[in-house]
Amino acid sequence: MNDDTIELSASAGDTGAVPPPERARACPSCGAFNVTHREMCRRCGVDLETGHRLPWPEPDPDPAAAAAALIDRPHPRRWLLAVVAVLVGAGLLLLGLYLAEVGPFADGPSVPDAEFAAARYADEPSSLLLTDVATMTTRPPDGDRTFIAAHMVDDTPETAWRSDGLQDGVDPDVPLEIVDLILAEPAWVDHLLIRNGDQFDLEAYEREGRARQVRATFDGGRSYLLHLLDEGRGQQIVELPEPALTTMVRLEVLDVFPGSDSDGIGISDLELRGWPALEGDVVLARERADALPADAPRPVMP
């Protein structure tokens, strides 16, 4: 009898079969007899000492099939890589445009510099002719008095322009009021004269607000902050540090002396003084006006 026969006959140890030889031992799991030198049951494969089945590794897949499955397997992050690639490409394109200063990063036409030649303008400054005056608002007539914008440039203190309330609180980027003075021809503006408030009489002066702080802007972007007085009826003079070549002047009211019975302001007279531009300065002024950026002051619609 060989070991395999013993082992085979040992499978029914609990049925009254003849006991196996001494060198056979029963499996603690299925009861089959195994020769003493075996470590695992020949029938069920458990460890003959512990009765536990040993973990067996899964057979390696076919290498070619595994490679094909890896290629065909969906990659959920491929779309993310594509998006990142597109964004990086767009960023590099914008960086190239920025460095080359083309496309959306191209600078607008530069505004030519203008330097006042005092030797060419030896005469005393004179009153400059205006063709238009525009404001954001105008007060409706009151009895027989009207308050149109033209009244502030008619050289008559008894007439006045009044605003129809101030724009305070509507938009923090919008001045309280805007007054645009359009010159009949390019000129070098040297100083500004103003009769602040409605100077029809003392009662009108006190009732209406007066401009307190004004930003004056000229072609080329040059601007000055003007601090006006509130000393009763009369004329004030604001002299510029140097003449400004321009085709218009924008006055933006930033602060006011409040009136006793009005939330607006009044101006009785405005006058620009300087020198009409000569020869080449006229061409230069036109070039400067044409080269103004899109956000530069433009005349407001009356």
C-alpha atoms as a PDB file:
ATOM      1  CA  MET A   1       0.000   0.000   0.000  1.00  0.00           C
ATOM      2  CA  ASN A   2       1.376   3.404  -0.901  1.00  0.00           C
ATOM      3  CA  ASP A   3       0.907   6.755   0.863  1.00  0.00           C
ATOM      4  CA  ASP A   4      -1.655   7.943  -1.608  1.00  0.00           C
ATOM      5  CA  THR A   5      -3.905   4.903  -0.885  1.00  0.00           C
ATOM      6  CA  ILE A   6      -3.621   5.543   2.814  1.00  0.00           C
ATOM      7  CA  GLU A   7      -4.512   9.043   2.284  1.00  0.00           C
ATOM      8  CA  LEU A   8      -7.453   8.073   0.190  1.00  0.00           C
ATOM      9  CA  SER A   9      -8.814   5.572   2.674  1.00  0.00           C
ATOM     10  CA  ALA A  10      -8.427   8.046   5.446  1.00  0.00           C
ATOM     11  CA  SER A  11     -11.168  10.246   4.047  1.00  0.00           C
ATOM     12  CA  ALA A  12     -13.850   8.380   5.985  1.00  0.00           C
ATOM     13  CA  GLY A  13     -12.273   8.194   9.436  1.00  0.00           C
ATOM     14  CA  ASP A  14     -15.626   8.667  11.219  1.00  0.00           C
ATOM     15  CA  THR A  15     -17.425   5.814   9.408  1.00  0.00           C
ATOM     16  CA  GLY A  16     -15.781   2.815  11.118  1.00  0.00           C
ATOM     17  CA  ALA A  17     -13.025   2.412   8.546  1.00  0.00           C
ATOM     18  CA  VAL A  18      -9.806   0.742   9.517  1.00  0.00           C
ATOM     19  CA  PRO A  19      -7.521   3.249  11.308  1.00  0.00           C
ATOM     20  CA  PRO A  20      -4.678   4.528   9.162  1.00  0.00           C
ATOM     21  CA  PRO A  21      -1.106   3.560   9.848  1.00  0.00           C
ATOM     22  CA  GLU A  22       0.776   5.473  12.552  1.00  0.00           C
ATOM     23  CA  ARG A  23       2.528   7.754  10.040  1.00  0.00           C
ATOM     24  CA  ALA A  24      -0.834   9.193   8.854  1.00  0.00           C
ATOM     25  CA  ARG A  25      -2.636  12.180  10.494  1.00  0.00           C
ATOM     26  CA  ALA A  26      -6.158  13.467  10.020  1.00  0.00           C
ATOM     27  CA  CYS A  27      -6.928  16.905   8.599  1.00  0.00           C
ATOM     28  CA  PRO A  28      -8.456  19.128  11.298  1.00  0.00           C
ATOM     29  CA  SER A  29     -10.819  20.573   8.685  1.00  0.00           C
ATOM     30  CA  CYS A  30     -12.145  17.761   6.491  1.00  0.00           C
ATOM     31  CA  GLY A  31     -10.852  14.672   8.403  1.00  0.00           C
ATOM     32  CA  ALA A  32      -8.889  13.250   5.482  1.00  0.00           C
ATOM     33  CA  PHE A  33      -5.730  11.359   6.451  1.00  0.00           C
ATOM     34  CA  ASN A  34      -2.412  12.682   5.308  1.00  0.00           C
ATOM     35  CA  VAL A  35       1.074  11.322   5.723  1.00  0.00           C
ATOM     36  CA  THR A  36       2.846  12.883   8.636  1.00  0.00           C
ATOM     37  CA  HIS A  37       5.374  14.818   6.560  1.00  0.00           C
ATOM     38  CA  ARG A  38       2.675  16.794   4.643  1.00  0.00           C
ATOM     39  CA  GLU A  39       2.048  20.362   5.728  1.00  0.00           C
ATOM     40  CA  MET A  40      -1.253  20.903   3.887  1.00  0.00           C
ATOM     41  CA  CYS A  41      -4.208  18.631   3.489  1.00  0.00           C
ATOM     42  CA  ARG A  42      -4.182  16.761   0.226  1.00  0.00           C
ATOM     43  CA  ARG A  43      -7.957  17.154  -0.073  1.00  0.00           C
ATOM     44  CA  CYS A  44      -8.987  20.582   1.162  1.00  0.00           C
ATOM     45  CA  GLY A  45      -5.615  22.314   1.250  1.00  0.00           C
ATOM     46  CA  VAL A  46      -5.745  23.698   4.814  1.00  0.00           C
ATOM     47  CA  ASP A  47      -2.718  23.867   7.068  1.00  0.00           C
ATOM     48  CA  LEU A  48      -2.603  20.546   8.935  1.00  0.00           C
ATOM     49  CA  GLU A  49      -1.262  22.240  12.069  1.00  0.00           C
ATOM     50  CA  THR A  50      -3.698  25.146  12.342  1.00  0.00           C
ATOM     51  CA  GLY A  51      -6.622  24.066  10.198  1.00  0.00           C
ATOM     52  CA  HIS A  52      -6.547  27.452   8.410  1.00  0.00           C
ATOM     53  CA  ARG A  53      -6.575  27.809   4.657  1.00  0.00           C
ATOM     54  CA  LEU A  54      -3.520  29.649   3.400  1.00  0.00           C
ATOM     55  CA  PRO A  55      -4.033  32.630   1.106  1.00  0.00           C
ATOM     56  CA  TRP A  56      -3.134  31.790  -2.452  1.00  0.00           C
ATOM     57  CA  PRO A  57      -2.079  34.576  -4.862  1.00  0.00           C
ATOM     58  CA  GLU A  58      -4.254  35.196  -7.892  1.00  0.00           C
ATOM     59  CA  PRO A  59      -2.619  34.035 -11.112  1.00  0.00           C
ATOM     60  CA  ASP A  60      -0.912  36.820 -13.085  1.00  0.00           C
ATOM     61  CA  PRO A  61      -3.026  38.021 -16.001  1.00  0.00           C
ATOM     62  CA  ASP A  62      -1.859  37.742 -19.535  1.00  0.00           C
ATOM     63  CA  PRO A  63       0.623  40.698 -19.985  1.00  0.00           C
ATOM     64  CA  ALA A  64      -0.821  41.626 -23.374  1.00  0.00           C
ATOM     65  CA  ALA A  65      -4.386  41.597 -22.066  1.00  0.00           C
ATOM     66  CA  ALA A  66      -3.385  43.661 -19.031  1.00  0.00           C
ATOM     67  CA  ALA A  67      -1.753  46.297 -21.244  1.00  0.00           C
ATOM     68  CA  ALA A  68      -4.814  46.471 -23.492  1.00  0.00           C
ATOM     69  CA  ALA A  69      -7.102  46.861 -20.477  1.00  0.00           C
ATOM     70  CA  LEU A  70      -4.941  49.683 -19.129  1.00  0.00           C
ATOM     71  CA  ILE A  71      -5.145  51.531 -22.445  1.00  0.00           C
ATOM     72  CA  ASP A  72      -8.902  51.079 -22.769  1.00  0.00           C
ATOM     73  CA  ARG A  73      -9.649  51.965 -19.162  1.00  0.00           C
ATOM     74  CA  PRO A  74     -11.315  55.430 -18.929  1.00  0.00           C
ATOM     75  CA  HIS A  75      -9.255  58.198 -17.306  1.00  0.00           C
ATOM     76  CA  PRO A  76     -11.648  60.533 -15.438  1.00  0.00           C
ATOM     77  CA  ARG A  77      -9.021  63.298 -15.161  1.00  0.00           C
ATOM     78  CA  ARG A  78      -8.104  63.547 -18.827  1.00  0.00           C
ATOM     79  CA  TRP A  79     -10.625  66.406 -19.283  1.00  0.00           C
ATOM     80  CA  LEU A  80      -8.978  68.283 -16.394  1.00  0.00           C
ATOM     81  CA  LEU A  81      -5.594  68.034 -18.058  1.00  0.00           C
ATOM     82  CA  ALA A  82      -7.111  69.391 -21.274  1.00  0.00           C
ATOM     83  CA  VAL A  83      -8.633  72.372 -19.435  1.00  0.00           C
ATOM     84  CA  VAL A  84      -5.337  73.147 -17.705  1.00  0.00           C
ATOM     85  CA  ALA A  85      -3.537  73.007 -21.033  1.00  0.00           C
ATOM     86  CA  VAL A  86      -6.019  75.461 -22.606  1.00  0.00           C
ATOM     87  CA  LEU A  87      -5.724  77.880 -19.673  1.00  0.00           C
ATOM     88  CA  VAL A  88      -1.936  77.775 -19.749  1.00  0.00           C
ATOM     89  CA  GLY A  89      -1.966  78.439 -23.492  1.00  0.00           C
ATOM     90  CA  ALA A  90      -4.340  81.393 -23.083  1.00  0.00           C
ATOM     91  CA  GLY A  91      -2.195  82.814 -20.290  1.00  0.00           C
ATOM     92  CA  LEU A  92       0.941  82.587 -22.403  1.00  0.00           C
ATOM     93  CA  LEU A  93      -0.872  84.293 -25.285  1.00  0.00           C
ATOM     94  CA  LEU A  94      -2.020  87.179 -23.073  1.00  0.00           C
ATOM     95  CA  LEU A  95       1.463  87.517 -21.623  1.00  0.00           C
ATOM     96  CA  GLY A  96       2.885  87.762 -25.133  1.00  0.00           C
ATOM     97  CA  LEU A  97       0.345  90.440 -26.099  1.00  0.00           C
ATOM     98  CA  TYR A  98       1.103  92.379 -22.916  1.00  0.00           C
ATOM     99  CA  LEU A  99       4.861  92.307 -23.464  1.00  0.00           C
ATOM    100  CA  ALA A 100       4.435  93.293 -27.103  1.00  0.00           C
ATOM    101  CA  GLU A 101       1.886  96.004 -26.155  1.00  0.00           C
ATOM    102  CA  VAL A 102      -0.506  94.932 -28.886  1.00  0.00           C
ATOM    103  CA  GLY A 103      -4.152  93.927 -29.005  1.00  0.00           C
ATOM    104  CA  PRO A 104      -6.030  94.822 -25.789  1.00  0.00           C
ATOM    105  CA  PHE A 105      -2.768  96.011 -24.215  1.00  0.00           C
ATOM    106  CA  ALA A 106      -1.871  98.466 -26.925  1.00  0.00           C
ATOM    107  CA  ASP A 107      -1.444 101.983 -25.607  1.00  0.00           C
ATOM    108  CA  GLY A 108      -3.573 104.692 -27.133  1.00  0.00           C
ATOM    109  CA  PRO A 109      -1.956 107.548 -28.982  1.00  0.00           C
ATOM    110  CA  SER A 110       0.301 109.563 -26.702  1.00  0.00           C
ATOM    111  CA  VAL A 111      -0.658 113.151 -25.952  1.00  0.00           C
ATOM    112  CA  PRO A 112       2.066 115.523 -27.267  1.00  0.00           C
ATOM    113  CA  ASP A 113       3.670 117.758 -24.673  1.00  0.00           C
ATOM    114  CA  ALA A 114       2.983 121.497 -24.818  1.00  0.00           C
ATOM    115  CA  GLU A 115       5.442 124.032 -23.423  1.00  0.00           C
ATOM    116  CA  PHE A 116       4.463 127.672 -23.177  1.00  0.00           C
ATOM    117  CA  ALA A 117       6.856 130.027 -25.015  1.00  0.00           C
ATOM    118  CA  ALA A 118       6.506 133.308 -23.147  1.00  0.00           C
ATOM    119  CA  ALA A 119       8.469 135.201 -25.806  1.00  0.00           C
ATOM    120  CA  ARG A 120       5.760 134.467 -28.383  1.00  0.00           C
ATOM    121  CA  TYR A 121       2.972 135.709 -26.094  1.00  0.00           C
ATOM    122  CA  ALA A 122       4.358 138.994 -24.791  1.00  0.00           C
ATOM    123  CA  ASP A 123       0.990 140.759 -24.504  1.00  0.00           C
ATOM    124  CA  GLU A 124      -1.096 140.748 -21.355  1.00  0.00           C
ATOM    125  CA  PRO A 125      -3.614 137.863 -21.143  1.00  0.00           C
ATOM    126  CA  SER A 126      -7.103 138.729 -22.361  1.00  0.00           C
ATOM    127  CA  SER A 127     -10.591 137.285 -22.099  1.00  0.00           C
ATOM    128  CA  LEU A 128     -10.962 134.118 -24.206  1.00  0.00           C
ATOM    129  CA  LEU A 129     -14.016 133.623 -26.392  1.00  0.00           C
ATOM    130  CA  LEU A 130     -16.265 130.629 -25.656  1.00  0.00           C
ATOM    131  CA  THR A 131     -18.627 128.898 -28.066  1.00  0.00           C
ATOM    132  CA  ASP A 132     -20.532 126.724 -25.612  1.00  0.00           C
ATOM    133  CA  VAL A 133     -21.157 126.084 -21.933  1.00  0.00           C
ATOM    134  CA  ALA A 134     -22.601 122.782 -20.742  1.00  0.00           C
ATOM    135  CA  THR A 135     -23.703 121.634 -17.289  1.00  0.00           C
ATOM    136  CA  MET A 136     -25.132 118.462 -15.790  1.00  0.00           C
ATOM    137  CA  THR A 137     -28.284 120.162 -14.469  1.00  0.00           C
ATOM    138  CA  THR A 138     -30.077 123.516 -14.640  1.00  0.00           C
ATOM    139  CA  ARG A 139     -32.662 124.902 -12.235  1.00  0.00           C
ATOM    140  CA  PRO A 140     -36.094 125.614 -13.774  1.00  0.00           C
ATOM    141  CA  PRO A 141     -37.145 129.279 -14.023  1.00  0.00           C
ATOM    142  CA  ASP A 142     -38.306 131.022 -10.859  1.00  0.00           C
ATOM    143  CA  GLY A 143     -40.767 133.811 -11.636  1.00  0.00           C
ATOM    144  CA  ASP A 144     -39.173 136.101 -14.161  1.00  0.00           C
ATOM    145  CA  ARG A 145     -35.650 134.761 -13.516  1.00  0.00           C
ATOM    146  CA  THR A 146     -34.069 132.008 -15.599  1.00  0.00           C
ATOM    147  CA  PHE A 147     -30.881 130.138 -14.734  1.00  0.00           C
ATOM    148  CA  ILE A 148     -29.480 128.794 -18.011  1.00  0.00           C
ATOM    149  CA  ALA A 149     -25.778 127.943 -18.297  1.00  0.00           C
ATOM    150  CA  ALA A 150     -25.145 130.865 -20.664  1.00  0.00           C
ATOM    151  CA  HIS A 151     -25.891 133.270 -17.800  1.00  0.00           C
ATOM    152  CA  MET A 152     -22.598 132.388 -16.118  1.00  0.00           C
ATOM    153  CA  VAL A 153     -20.554 133.651 -19.117  1.00  0.00           C
ATOM    154  CA  ASP A 154     -22.515 136.781 -20.077  1.00  0.00           C
ATOM    155  CA  ASP A 155     -20.343 139.120 -17.969  1.00  0.00           C
ATOM    156  CA  THR A 156     -23.397 140.265 -16.015  1.00  0.00           C
ATOM    157  CA  PRO A 157     -23.296 139.647 -12.225  1.00  0.00           C
ATOM    158  CA  GLU A 158     -27.080 140.055 -11.894  1.00  0.00           C
ATOM    159  CA  THR A 159     -27.759 136.918 -13.942  1.00  0.00           C
ATOM    160  CA  ALA A 160     -26.736 133.464 -12.782  1.00  0.00           C
ATOM    161  CA  TRP A 161     -26.804 129.765 -13.509  1.00  0.00           C
ATOM    162  CA  ARG A 162     -28.199 127.506 -10.809  1.00  0.00           C
ATOM    163  CA  SER A 163     -27.935 123.733 -10.576  1.00  0.00           C
ATOM    164  CA  ASP A 164     -31.059 121.686 -10.049  1.00  0.00           C
ATOM    165  CA  GLY A 165     -29.764 120.072  -6.865  1.00  0.00           C
ATOM    166  CA  LEU A 166     -26.451 118.264  -6.412  1.00  0.00           C
ATOM    167  CA  GLN A 167     -25.599 114.690  -7.332  1.00  0.00           C
ATOM    168  CA  ASP A 168     -24.287 113.805  -3.860  1.00  0.00           C
ATOM    169  CA  GLY A 169     -24.995 110.180  -2.952  1.00  0.00           C
ATOM    170  CA  VAL A 170     -26.004 109.114  -6.445  1.00  0.00           C
ATOM    171  CA  ASP A 171     -22.583 107.815  -7.454  1.00  0.00           C
ATOM    172  CA  PRO A 172     -19.345 108.350  -5.493  1.00  0.00           C
ATOM    173  CA  ASP A 173     -17.405 108.587  -8.753  1.00  0.00           C
ATOM    174  CA  VAL A 174     -19.580 111.390 -10.141  1.00  0.00           C
ATOM    175  CA  PRO A 175     -18.826 114.988  -9.046  1.00  0.00           C
ATOM    176  CA  LEU A 176     -21.562 117.035  -7.423  1.00  0.00           C
ATOM    177  CA  GLU A 177     -21.818 119.111 -10.613  1.00  0.00           C
ATOM    178  CA  ILE A 178     -19.869 119.538 -13.868  1.00  0.00           C
ATOM    179  CA  VAL A 179     -19.398 122.703 -15.938  1.00  0.00           C
ATOM    180  CA  ASP A 180     -17.710 122.440 -19.356  1.00  0.00           C
ATOM    181  CA  LEU A 181     -16.354 125.574 -21.044  1.00  0.00           C
ATOM    182  CA  ILE A 182     -15.702 125.095 -24.788  1.00  0.00           C
ATOM    183  CA  LEU A 183     -13.230 127.545 -26.328  1.00  0.00           C
ATOM    184  CA  ALA A 184     -13.894 129.106 -29.716  1.00  0.00           C
ATOM    185  CA  GLU A 185     -10.275 128.373 -30.662  1.00  0.00           C
ATOM    186  CA  PRO A 186      -7.320 126.669 -28.985  1.00  0.00           C
ATOM    187  CA  ALA A 187      -5.734 128.874 -26.361  1.00  0.00           C
ATOM    188  CA  TRP A 188      -3.244 129.068 -23.540  1.00  0.00           C
ATOM    189  CA  VAL A 189      -5.352 129.519 -20.389  1.00  0.00           C
ATOM    190  CA  ASP A 190      -3.551 131.495 -17.709  1.00  0.00           C
ATOM    191  CA  HIS A 191      -6.188 132.208 -15.069  1.00  0.00           C
ATOM    192  CA  LEU A 192      -9.862 131.942 -14.264  1.00  0.00           C
ATOM    193  CA  LEU A 193     -12.207 134.562 -12.854  1.00  0.00           C
ATOM    194  CA  ILE A 194     -15.377 133.562 -11.034  1.00  0.00           C
ATOM    195  CA  ARG A 195     -18.283 135.234  -9.289  1.00  0.00           C
ATOM    196  CA  ASN A 196     -19.294 132.484  -6.922  1.00  0.00           C
ATOM    197  CA  GLY A 197     -22.944 131.921  -6.049  1.00  0.00           C
ATOM    198  CA  ASP A 198     -26.041 133.735  -7.303  1.00  0.00           C
ATOM    199  CA  GLN A 199     -25.072 137.406  -6.940  1.00  0.00           C
ATOM    200  CA  PHE A 200     -28.420 138.883  -8.031  1.00  0.00           C
ATOM    201  CA  ASP A 201     -28.677 140.342  -4.515  1.00  0.00           C
ATOM    202  CA  LEU A 202     -27.513 139.498  -1.017  1.00  0.00           C
ATOM    203  CA  GLU A 203     -30.604 137.376  -0.288  1.00  0.00           C
ATOM    204  CA  ALA A 204     -30.072 135.251  -3.436  1.00  0.00           C
ATOM    205  CA  TYR A 205     -26.401 134.868  -2.578  1.00  0.00           C
ATOM    206  CA  GLU A 206     -27.114 133.522   0.899  1.00  0.00           C
ATOM    207  CA  ARG A 207     -30.006 131.314  -0.196  1.00  0.00           C
ATOM    208  CA  GLU A 208     -28.078 129.446  -2.938  1.00  0.00           C
ATOM    209  CA  GLY A 209     -25.035 127.222  -2.361  1.00  0.00           C
ATOM    210  CA  ARG A 210     -21.574 128.249  -3.596  1.00  0.00           C
ATOM    211  CA  ALA A 211     -18.742 126.125  -5.009  1.00  0.00           C
ATOM    212  CA  ARG A 212     -16.064 125.469  -2.425  1.00  0.00           C
ATOM    213  CA  GLN A 213     -13.691 122.949  -4.025  1.00  0.00           C
ATOM    214  CA  VAL A 214     -13.424 122.546  -7.794  1.00  0.00           C
ATOM    215  CA  ARG A 215     -11.199 120.378  -9.975  1.00  0.00           C
ATOM    216  CA  ALA A 216     -10.240 122.131 -13.233  1.00  0.00           C
ATOM    217  CA  THR A 217      -9.059 119.788 -16.024  1.00  0.00           C
ATOM    218  CA  PHE A 218      -7.462 120.771 -19.347  1.00  0.00           C
ATOM    219  CA  ASP A 219      -6.506 118.882 -22.516  1.00  0.00           C
ATOM    220  CA  GLY A 220      -3.636 116.497 -21.898  1.00  0.00           C
ATOM    221  CA  GLY A 221      -5.012 115.498 -18.500  1.00  0.00           C
ATOM    222  CA  ARG A 222      -3.510 118.393 -16.567  1.00  0.00           C
ATOM    223  CA  SER A 223      -5.758 119.247 -13.638  1.00  0.00           C
ATOM    224  CA  TYR A 224      -5.747 121.540 -10.626  1.00  0.00           C
ATOM    225  CA  LEU A 225      -7.741 121.515  -7.419  1.00  0.00           C
ATOM    226  CA  LEU A 226      -9.209 124.967  -6.856  1.00  0.00           C
ATOM    227  CA  HIS A 227     -10.203 126.150  -3.387  1.00  0.00           C
ATOM    228  CA  LEU A 228     -12.737 128.974  -3.737  1.00  0.00           C
ATOM    229  CA  LEU A 229     -13.772 131.598  -1.195  1.00  0.00           C
ATOM    230  CA  ASP A 230     -17.076 132.415   0.443  1.00  0.00           C
ATOM    231  CA  GLU A 231     -16.605 136.096   1.248  1.00  0.00           C
ATOM    232  CA  GLY A 232     -19.725 137.632  -0.176  1.00  0.00           C
ATOM    233  CA  ARG A 233     -20.506 139.111  -3.554  1.00  0.00           C
ATOM    234  CA  GLY A 234     -17.501 139.868  -5.713  1.00  0.00           C
ATOM    235  CA  GLN A 235     -15.032 138.355  -8.151  1.00  0.00           C
ATOM    236  CA  GLN A 236     -12.350 135.792  -7.374  1.00  0.00           C
ATOM    237  CA  ILE A 237      -9.240 135.093  -9.460  1.00  0.00           C
ATOM    238  CA  VAL A 238      -7.492 131.725  -9.726  1.00  0.00           C
ATOM    239  CA  GLU A 239      -4.096 131.905 -11.450  1.00  0.00           C
ATOM    240  CA  LEU A 240      -2.567 128.714 -12.848  1.00  0.00           C
ATOM    241  CA  PRO A 241       1.062 127.844 -12.038  1.00  0.00           C
ATOM    242  CA  GLU A 242       1.742 127.899 -15.787  1.00  0.00           C
ATOM    243  CA  PRO A 243      -0.450 128.437 -18.869  1.00  0.00           C
ATOM    244  CA  ALA A 244      -2.239 125.356 -20.207  1.00  0.00           C
ATOM    245  CA  LEU A 245      -2.797 124.739 -23.934  1.00  0.00           C
ATOM    246  CA  THR A 246      -6.324 123.444 -24.355  1.00  0.00           C
ATOM    247  CA  THR A 247      -9.555 123.457 -26.359  1.00  0.00           C
ATOM    248  CA  MET A 248     -11.847 123.165 -23.324  1.00  0.00           C
ATOM    249  CA  VAL A 249     -11.880 123.376 -19.543  1.00  0.00           C
ATOM    250  CA  ARG A 250     -13.885 121.079 -17.290  1.00  0.00           C
ATOM    251  CA  LEU A 251     -14.850 122.290 -13.819  1.00  0.00           C
ATOM    252  CA  GLU A 252     -15.944 119.521 -11.429  1.00  0.00           C
ATOM    253  CA  VAL A 253     -17.539 120.721  -8.205  1.00  0.00           C
ATOM    254  CA  LEU A 254     -16.350 118.475  -5.370  1.00  0.00           C
ATOM    255  CA  ASP A 255     -17.493 120.434  -2.308  1.00  0.00           C
ATOM    256  CA  VAL A 256     -19.821 123.376  -1.608  1.00  0.00           C
ATOM    257  CA  PHE A 257     -20.664 126.101   0.856  1.00  0.00           C
ATOM    258  CA  PRO A 258     -24.319 125.178   1.515  1.00  0.00           C
ATOM    259  CA  GLY A 259     -27.032 127.714   0.961  1.00  0.00           C
ATOM    260  CA  SER A 260     -29.616 128.615   3.560  1.00  0.00           C
ATOM    261  CA  ASP A 261     -32.562 127.488   1.439  1.00  0.00           C
ATOM    262  CA  SER A 262     -31.213 125.357  -1.426  1.00  0.00           C
ATOM    263  CA  ASP A 263     -29.439 122.057  -2.066  1.00  0.00           C
ATOM    264  CA  GLY A 264     -27.863 123.327  -5.292  1.00  0.00           C
ATOM    265  CA  ILE A 265     -25.215 125.880  -6.223  1.00  0.00           C
ATOM    266  CA  GLY A 266     -25.085 129.027  -8.300  1.00  0.00           C
ATOM    267  CA  ILE A 267     -22.437 130.791 -10.398  1.00  0.00           C
ATOM    268  CA  SER A 268     -22.983 134.331 -11.606  1.00  0.00           C
ATOM    269  CA  ASP A 269     -19.948 134.725 -13.822  1.00  0.00           C
ATOM    270  CA  LEU A 270     -17.065 132.715 -15.236  1.00  0.00           C
ATOM    271  CA  GLU A 271     -14.237 133.993 -17.402  1.00  0.00           C
ATOM    272  CA  LEU A 272     -11.136 132.330 -18.848  1.00  0.00           C
ATOM    273  CA  ARG A 273      -8.160 134.555 -19.587  1.00  0.00           C
ATOM    274  CA  GLY A 274      -5.034 133.814 -21.547  1.00  0.00           C
ATOM    275  CA  TRP A 275      -3.774 133.936 -25.154  1.00  0.00           C
ATOM    276  CA  PRO A 276      -5.320 132.478 -28.330  1.00  0.00           C
ATOM    277  CA  ALA A 277      -2.876 129.903 -29.689  1.00  0.00           C
ATOM    278  CA  LEU A 278      -0.593 131.006 -32.544  1.00  0.00           C
ATOM    279  CA  GLU A 279       0.338 129.092 -35.689  1.00  0.00           C
ATOM    280  CA  GLY A 280       2.051 125.839 -34.713  1.00  0.00           C
ATOM    281  CA  ASP A 281       0.425 125.835 -31.264  1.00  0.00           C
ATOM    282  CA  VAL A 282      -2.993 125.602 -32.943  1.00  0.00           C
ATOM    283  CA  VAL A 283      -1.949 122.397 -34.715  1.00  0.00           C
ATOM    284  CA  LEU A 284      -0.403 121.080 -31.502  1.00  0.00           C
ATOM    285  CA  ALA A 285      -3.601 121.791 -29.568  1.00  0.00           C
ATOM    286  CA  ARG A 286      -5.689 119.911 -32.151  1.00  0.00           C
ATOM    287  CA  GLU A 287      -3.305 116.961 -31.961  1.00  0.00           C
ATOM    288  CA  ARG A 288      -3.538 116.936 -28.187  1.00  0.00           C
ATOM    289  CA  ALA A 289      -7.335 117.024 -28.264  1.00  0.00           C
ATOM    290  CA  ASP A 290      -7.475 114.186 -30.830  1.00  0.00           C
ATOM    291  CA  ALA A 291      -5.051 112.046 -28.798  1.00  0.00           C
ATOM    292  CA  LEU A 292      -7.045 112.209 -25.564  1.00  0.00           C
ATOM    293  CA  PRO A 293      -7.778 108.792 -24.019  1.00  0.00           C
ATOM    294  CA  ALA A 294     -11.326 107.488 -23.953  1.00  0.00           C
ATOM    295  CA  ASP A 295     -11.795 108.424 -20.280  1.00  0.00           C
ATOM    296  CA  ALA A 296     -10.624 112.029 -20.744  1.00  0.00           C
ATOM    297  CA  PRO A 297     -13.130 114.836 -20.101  1.00  0.00           C
ATOM    298  CA  ARG A 298     -15.627 115.326 -22.923  1.00  0.00           C
ATOM    299  CA  PRO A 299     -18.291 118.026 -23.010  1.00  0.00           C
ATOM    300  CA  VAL A 300     -21.396 116.993 -21.101  1.00  0.00           C
ATOM    301  CA  MET A 301     -24.661 117.125 -22.973  1.00  0.00           C
ATOM    302  CA  PRO A 302     -26.642 120.223 -21.976  1.00  0.00           C
END
